[in-house]
Amino acid sequence: MEQMSLFKDEKKKNDSVVLSASRMTDMPKYYPDVLMKEVMTRIEKGVDVHTVVFWTKHPDAILKSTMTEFINNLFSLGIQCYLHCTITGMGGRIVGSDGLYMEPNAPKASDALAVLPEIVELFRNPMRVMLRIDPLVKIRNNVTGEIFSNFDCVKSIIENSAKAGIKTYTISFLQSNIHKKVDNRFKKIGWSIENFTISQKRGFFDRIKSMAGKFGGKVYSCSVYGLEESRCINGYLLEELHPDKKYIRKDEPRKRNLCGCTHSIDIGGWPPKKCFTGCQYCYANSSYHEPSI
């Protein structure tokens, strides 16, 4: 009887899940009601939710009253919240003489960085917020030959986010010949993606680690060939950060090369809901959006 009870307890532990909202579209900004409904429906059905992982380029959307109430309620229910906040330095920024917007409807880096102290307070621990400088890009105008890279923004992003207590960062590099829809989009807008060599990736990565290291921060890479693999959704970390140190299953689906992410359930839906931030490098949406700013 005792062995049977232990088996049931272990099975119950293994049923604890992570909900991801969402890798495929910016749910906190454009679909907050859907996000909250999807999470609460699962909770009401008895799903043992360990952590809800939010993903956004719009941290101000997290600070809307309904969303802050929702996050505080989740914590009160013993459900942890974790945030991936992306700031690349390309939001609202004109690139080249032809007036290209790489992230037409994303906030300016300064505006996104300004609300990070409130974000950290809401998530109750700076380690529950990962800042994504993702991706780093280098592109060339096919007519003028102009080259643009957002690497010049990295130092400022790290310095200002560190003031809010941010300690963890992740980066990736925009590469051609990975997603055909992205290559076709750049061809249509008259720019070409300049690929980084492995040596260049390692060089940039080391420089960024040095920048973050000055503030006690750590840098990881997201499925970057030539760099060490890591986990954007890290079950070991989420277990350690959970207020009750609650156990979580650690299996890794390995859906992408070099992706060590812990199993999660993405609630963004398929096909992906349209994201109106309109990033030119987006691989989840087949079409790009004209800037509305």
Protein backbone atom coordinates (compact mmCIF):
# COMPACT_ATOMS: atom_id res chain seq x y z
CA MET A 1 0.00 0.00 0.00
CA GLU A 2 2.81 2.40 0.89
CA GLN A 3 4.60 1.68 -2.41
CA MET A 4 1.40 2.35 -4.33
CA SER A 5 1.02 5.70 -2.53
CA LEU A 6 4.59 6.68 -3.40
CA PHE A 7 3.97 5.74 -7.04
CA LYS A 8 0.88 7.97 -7.13
CA ASP A 9 2.81 10.86 -5.58
CA GLU A 10 5.60 10.50 -8.15
CA LYS A 11 3.12 10.36 -11.02
CA LYS A 12 1.42 13.48 -9.71
CA LYS A 13 4.78 15.27 -9.56
CA ASN A 14 5.53 14.32 -13.15
CA ASP A 15 2.20 15.74 -14.35
CA SER A 16 3.21 19.31 -13.50
CA VAL A 17 3.50 21.34 -16.72
CA VAL A 18 4.79 24.63 -18.12
CA LEU A 19 2.45 26.75 -20.24
CA SER A 20 4.15 28.97 -22.83
CA ALA A 21 2.42 32.12 -24.13
CA SER A 22 3.79 32.16 -26.72
CA ARG A 23 6.77 31.57 -28.98
CA MET A 24 4.56 32.04 -32.03
CA THR A 25 2.89 35.40 -31.39
CA ASP A 26 2.93 38.23 -28.86
CA MET A 27 -0.02 37.17 -26.70
CA PRO A 28 0.49 39.65 -23.82
CA LYS A 29 0.21 42.51 -26.30
CA TYR A 30 -2.36 41.33 -28.85
CA TYR A 31 -4.26 38.45 -27.24
CA PRO A 32 -4.24 39.01 -23.46
CA ASP A 33 -7.83 37.83 -23.01
CA VAL A 34 -7.13 34.63 -24.95
CA LEU A 35 -3.97 34.08 -22.91
CA MET A 36 -5.78 34.43 -19.59
CA LYS A 37 -8.70 32.27 -20.72
CA GLU A 38 -6.42 29.48 -21.99
CA VAL A 39 -4.51 29.38 -18.70
CA MET A 40 -7.56 29.56 -16.44
CA THR A 41 -9.45 26.93 -18.44
CA ARG A 42 -6.63 24.47 -17.85
CA ILE A 43 -6.43 25.31 -14.15
CA GLU A 44 -10.20 24.85 -13.78
CA LYS A 45 -9.91 21.46 -15.50
CA GLY A 46 -7.39 20.39 -12.88
CA VAL A 47 -4.19 20.74 -14.93
CA ASP A 48 -1.23 21.01 -12.56
CA VAL A 49 0.42 24.18 -13.89
CA HIS A 50 3.93 24.72 -12.55
CA THR A 51 4.87 27.91 -14.43
CA VAL A 52 3.39 30.20 -17.04
CA VAL A 53 6.09 31.58 -19.35
CA PHE A 54 5.20 34.88 -21.03
CA TRP A 55 6.94 36.12 -24.20
CA THR A 56 6.69 39.73 -25.40
CA LYS A 57 8.37 42.66 -27.11
CA HIS A 58 5.87 44.95 -25.36
CA PRO A 59 6.61 44.89 -21.62
CA ASP A 60 4.15 47.73 -21.04
CA ALA A 61 1.38 45.29 -22.01
CA ILE A 62 2.33 43.13 -19.01
CA LEU A 63 1.71 46.15 -16.78
CA LYS A 64 -1.92 46.65 -17.83
CA SER A 65 -4.12 46.27 -14.76
CA THR A 66 -5.89 43.10 -15.92
CA MET A 67 -2.59 41.38 -16.69
CA THR A 68 -0.92 42.38 -13.42
CA GLU A 69 -3.98 41.15 -11.51
CA PHE A 70 -3.82 37.89 -13.46
CA ILE A 71 -0.12 37.38 -12.70
CA ASN A 72 -0.57 38.18 -9.02
CA ASN A 73 -3.48 35.74 -8.89
CA LEU A 74 -1.36 32.98 -10.43
CA PHE A 75 1.33 33.51 -7.80
CA SER A 76 -1.35 33.36 -5.09
CA LEU A 77 -2.45 29.99 -6.51
CA GLY A 78 1.11 28.67 -6.23
CA ILE A 79 1.75 29.02 -9.98
CA GLN A 80 5.01 30.66 -10.94
CA CYS A 81 5.30 33.28 -13.68
CA TYR A 82 8.39 33.82 -15.84
CA LEU A 83 8.99 36.37 -18.60
CA HIS A 84 10.99 36.42 -21.81
CA CYS A 85 11.23 40.11 -22.76
CA THR A 86 12.77 40.89 -26.15
CA ILE A 87 14.57 44.19 -26.71
CA THR A 88 16.76 44.31 -29.83
CA GLY A 89 17.24 48.04 -30.28
CA MET A 90 15.36 47.92 -33.60
CA GLY A 91 11.93 48.95 -32.32
CA GLY A 92 10.74 52.14 -34.03
CA ARG A 93 14.13 52.57 -35.67
CA ILE A 94 14.52 53.51 -39.35
CA VAL A 95 17.15 51.46 -41.16
CA GLY A 96 18.91 52.76 -44.29
CA SER A 97 18.05 55.56 -46.70
CA ASP A 98 14.98 53.70 -48.01
CA GLY A 99 13.24 54.02 -44.64
CA LEU A 100 13.04 50.35 -43.68
CA TYR A 101 11.54 49.47 -40.30
CA MET A 102 12.83 46.12 -39.05
CA GLU A 103 10.35 46.11 -36.16
CA PRO A 104 7.71 48.60 -37.31
CA ASN A 105 5.39 48.38 -34.31
CA ALA A 106 7.77 47.41 -31.51
CA PRO A 107 8.48 50.00 -28.81
CA LYS A 108 11.71 51.94 -28.81
CA ALA A 109 14.40 50.31 -26.72
CA SER A 110 14.42 53.25 -24.30
CA ASP A 111 10.68 52.91 -23.67
CA ALA A 112 10.86 49.14 -23.13
CA LEU A 113 13.85 49.47 -20.82
CA ALA A 114 12.12 52.19 -18.78
CA VAL A 115 9.43 49.81 -17.48
CA LEU A 116 11.74 46.94 -16.53
CA PRO A 117 11.93 47.92 -12.83
CA GLU A 118 8.14 47.52 -12.57
CA ILE A 119 8.33 44.24 -14.50
CA VAL A 120 10.94 42.82 -12.13
CA GLU A 121 8.84 43.86 -9.12
CA LEU A 122 5.76 42.16 -10.61
CA PHE A 123 7.60 38.88 -11.21
CA ARG A 124 9.07 39.07 -7.69
CA ASN A 125 12.59 38.05 -8.66
CA PRO A 126 14.87 39.43 -11.41
CA MET A 127 15.86 35.84 -12.22
CA ARG A 128 12.30 35.31 -13.45
CA VAL A 129 12.92 37.78 -16.27
CA MET A 130 15.17 36.86 -19.19
CA LEU A 131 16.06 39.66 -21.58
CA ARG A 132 16.35 38.53 -25.18
CA ILE A 133 18.61 40.50 -27.52
CA ASP A 134 17.26 38.30 -30.21
CA PRO A 135 18.18 38.39 -33.00
CA LEU A 136 21.41 40.17 -33.75
CA VAL A 137 21.29 41.10 -37.41
CA LYS A 138 23.55 42.22 -40.21
CA ILE A 139 21.78 43.14 -43.45
CA ARG A 140 22.83 44.78 -46.72
CA ASN A 141 20.76 47.01 -49.01
CA ASN A 142 20.82 45.39 -52.46
CA VAL A 143 20.81 48.76 -54.25
CA THR A 144 22.84 51.17 -52.13
CA GLY A 145 25.12 48.65 -50.45
CA GLU A 146 24.32 50.13 -47.03
CA ILE A 147 24.92 47.77 -44.13
CA PHE A 148 22.95 47.77 -40.91
CA SER A 149 23.53 45.88 -37.67
CA ASN A 150 21.90 46.29 -34.28
CA PHE A 151 25.03 45.25 -32.42
CA ASP A 152 25.62 48.92 -31.59
CA CYS A 153 22.58 48.78 -29.27
CA VAL A 154 23.72 45.85 -27.15
CA LYS A 155 25.91 47.71 -24.65
CA SER A 156 23.17 50.23 -23.84
CA ILE A 157 20.51 47.51 -23.51
CA ILE A 158 22.64 45.54 -21.06
CA GLU A 159 23.69 48.55 -19.01
CA ASN A 160 20.14 49.86 -18.65
CA SER A 161 18.50 46.50 -18.02
CA ALA A 162 21.14 45.71 -15.39
CA LYS A 163 19.96 48.77 -13.45
CA ALA A 164 16.61 47.00 -13.09
CA GLY A 165 18.37 43.93 -11.71
CA ILE A 166 18.26 41.79 -14.87
CA LYS A 167 20.86 39.02 -14.68
CA THR A 168 20.15 36.72 -17.62
CA TYR A 169 20.28 37.37 -21.35
CA THR A 170 19.94 35.31 -24.48
CA ILE A 171 20.97 36.09 -28.04
CA SER A 172 20.63 34.61 -31.50
CA PHE A 173 21.82 35.59 -34.96
CA LEU A 174 19.70 36.19 -38.05
CA GLN A 175 20.87 33.77 -40.75
CA SER A 176 19.72 33.13 -44.31
CA ASN A 177 18.78 29.70 -45.67
CA ILE A 178 17.00 28.76 -42.45
CA HIS A 179 13.44 29.94 -43.13
CA LYS A 180 12.47 30.41 -46.77
CA LYS A 181 9.66 32.81 -45.88
CA VAL A 182 12.18 35.12 -44.19
CA ASP A 183 14.61 34.98 -47.13
CA ASN A 184 11.75 35.78 -49.54
CA ARG A 185 10.60 38.68 -47.39
CA PHE A 186 14.05 40.29 -47.38
CA LYS A 187 14.34 39.80 -51.13
CA LYS A 188 11.00 41.56 -51.55
CA ILE A 189 12.06 44.57 -49.49
CA GLY A 190 15.42 44.84 -51.25
CA TRP A 191 17.79 43.77 -48.50
CA SER A 192 19.99 40.69 -48.03
CA ILE A 193 20.89 38.88 -44.83
CA GLU A 194 24.65 38.79 -44.21
CA ASN A 195 25.46 35.54 -42.43
CA PHE A 196 27.75 35.49 -39.42
CA THR A 197 30.61 33.01 -39.50
CA ILE A 198 31.13 30.73 -36.51
CA SER A 199 34.19 32.77 -35.59
CA GLN A 200 32.18 36.00 -35.72
CA LYS A 201 29.40 34.49 -33.60
CA ARG A 202 31.88 33.40 -30.97
CA GLY A 203 33.54 36.80 -31.03
CA PHE A 204 30.28 38.68 -30.58
CA PHE A 205 29.15 36.22 -27.90
CA ASP A 206 32.35 36.68 -25.92
CA ARG A 207 32.03 40.47 -26.12
CA ILE A 208 28.43 40.37 -24.95
CA LYS A 209 29.35 38.03 -22.08
CA SER A 210 32.00 40.52 -21.06
CA MET A 211 29.50 43.39 -21.13
CA ALA A 212 26.97 41.49 -19.01
CA GLY A 213 29.65 40.08 -16.72
CA LYS A 214 30.49 43.57 -15.50
CA PHE A 215 27.05 43.62 -13.87
CA GLY A 216 27.05 40.02 -12.71
CA GLY A 217 24.94 38.90 -15.66
CA LYS A 218 25.08 35.70 -17.70
CA VAL A 219 24.49 35.30 -21.44
CA TYR A 220 23.09 32.29 -23.28
CA SER A 221 22.45 31.55 -26.94
CA CYS A 222 19.21 30.35 -28.51
CA SER A 223 19.84 27.47 -30.96
CA VAL A 224 22.97 29.05 -32.45
CA TYR A 225 25.19 26.71 -34.44
CA GLY A 226 28.76 27.07 -33.21
CA LEU A 227 27.79 28.06 -29.67
CA GLU A 228 26.81 25.98 -26.66
CA GLU A 229 23.19 24.89 -26.49
CA SER A 230 21.00 26.20 -23.71
CA ARG A 231 17.41 26.22 -22.45
CA CYS A 232 15.14 29.24 -22.86
CA ILE A 233 12.54 27.28 -20.89
CA ASN A 234 14.77 25.75 -18.26
CA GLY A 235 12.99 23.27 -16.02
CA TYR A 236 15.93 23.10 -13.62
CA LEU A 237 15.87 26.88 -13.16
CA LEU A 238 12.07 27.06 -12.93
CA GLU A 239 12.10 24.39 -10.25
CA GLU A 240 14.74 26.27 -8.28
CA LEU A 241 12.91 29.61 -8.61
CA HIS A 242 9.48 28.26 -7.74
CA PRO A 243 8.37 29.65 -4.35
CA ASP A 244 7.76 26.08 -3.15
CA LYS A 245 10.70 24.55 -5.08
CA LYS A 246 8.04 22.48 -6.80
CA TYR A 247 9.20 19.54 -8.88
CA ILE A 248 8.84 19.75 -12.67
CA ARG A 249 9.38 17.19 -15.42
CA LYS A 250 12.67 17.78 -17.27
CA ASP A 251 12.19 15.96 -20.59
CA GLU A 252 13.39 17.84 -23.70
CA PRO A 253 11.41 17.51 -26.96
CA ARG A 254 14.38 18.71 -29.08
CA LYS A 255 12.14 20.22 -31.74
CA ARG A 256 15.00 22.41 -33.03
CA ASN A 257 18.69 21.69 -33.34
CA LEU A 258 20.59 22.81 -30.24
CA CYS A 259 17.34 23.51 -28.36
CA GLY A 260 17.53 22.04 -24.88
CA CYS A 261 14.24 23.55 -23.71
CA THR A 262 12.20 21.70 -21.15
CA HIS A 263 8.83 20.35 -22.30
CA SER A 264 6.09 23.00 -22.38
CA ILE A 265 2.64 23.47 -23.85
CA ASP A 266 2.42 26.47 -26.17
CA ILE A 267 -1.02 28.06 -26.00
CA GLY A 268 -0.52 30.38 -28.99
CA GLY A 269 -2.53 28.11 -31.28
CA TRP A 270 -1.85 26.76 -34.76
CA PRO A 271 -1.71 28.25 -37.28
CA PRO A 272 -0.10 31.10 -35.31
CA LYS A 273 -2.29 34.07 -34.55
CA LYS A 274 -1.23 37.16 -36.49
CA CYS A 275 1.34 39.30 -34.71
CA PHE A 276 0.99 42.98 -35.51
CA THR A 277 4.49 43.97 -34.37
CA GLY A 278 5.47 43.07 -37.94
CA CYS A 279 9.14 42.13 -37.49
CA GLN A 280 10.76 41.57 -40.88
CA TYR A 281 12.72 38.56 -39.62
CA CYS A 282 9.69 36.77 -38.14
CA TYR A 283 9.61 33.08 -39.02
CA ALA A 284 6.15 32.43 -37.56
CA ASN A 285 4.28 34.68 -39.99
CA SER A 286 4.55 34.39 -43.77
CA SER A 287 3.85 38.06 -44.53
CA TYR A 288 5.28 41.25 -43.11
CA HIS A 289 3.28 44.31 -42.14
CA GLU A 290 3.64 47.89 -43.28
CA PRO A 291 4.65 50.19 -40.44
CA SER A 292 1.81 52.02 -38.72
CA ILE A 293 4.04 54.36 -36.75
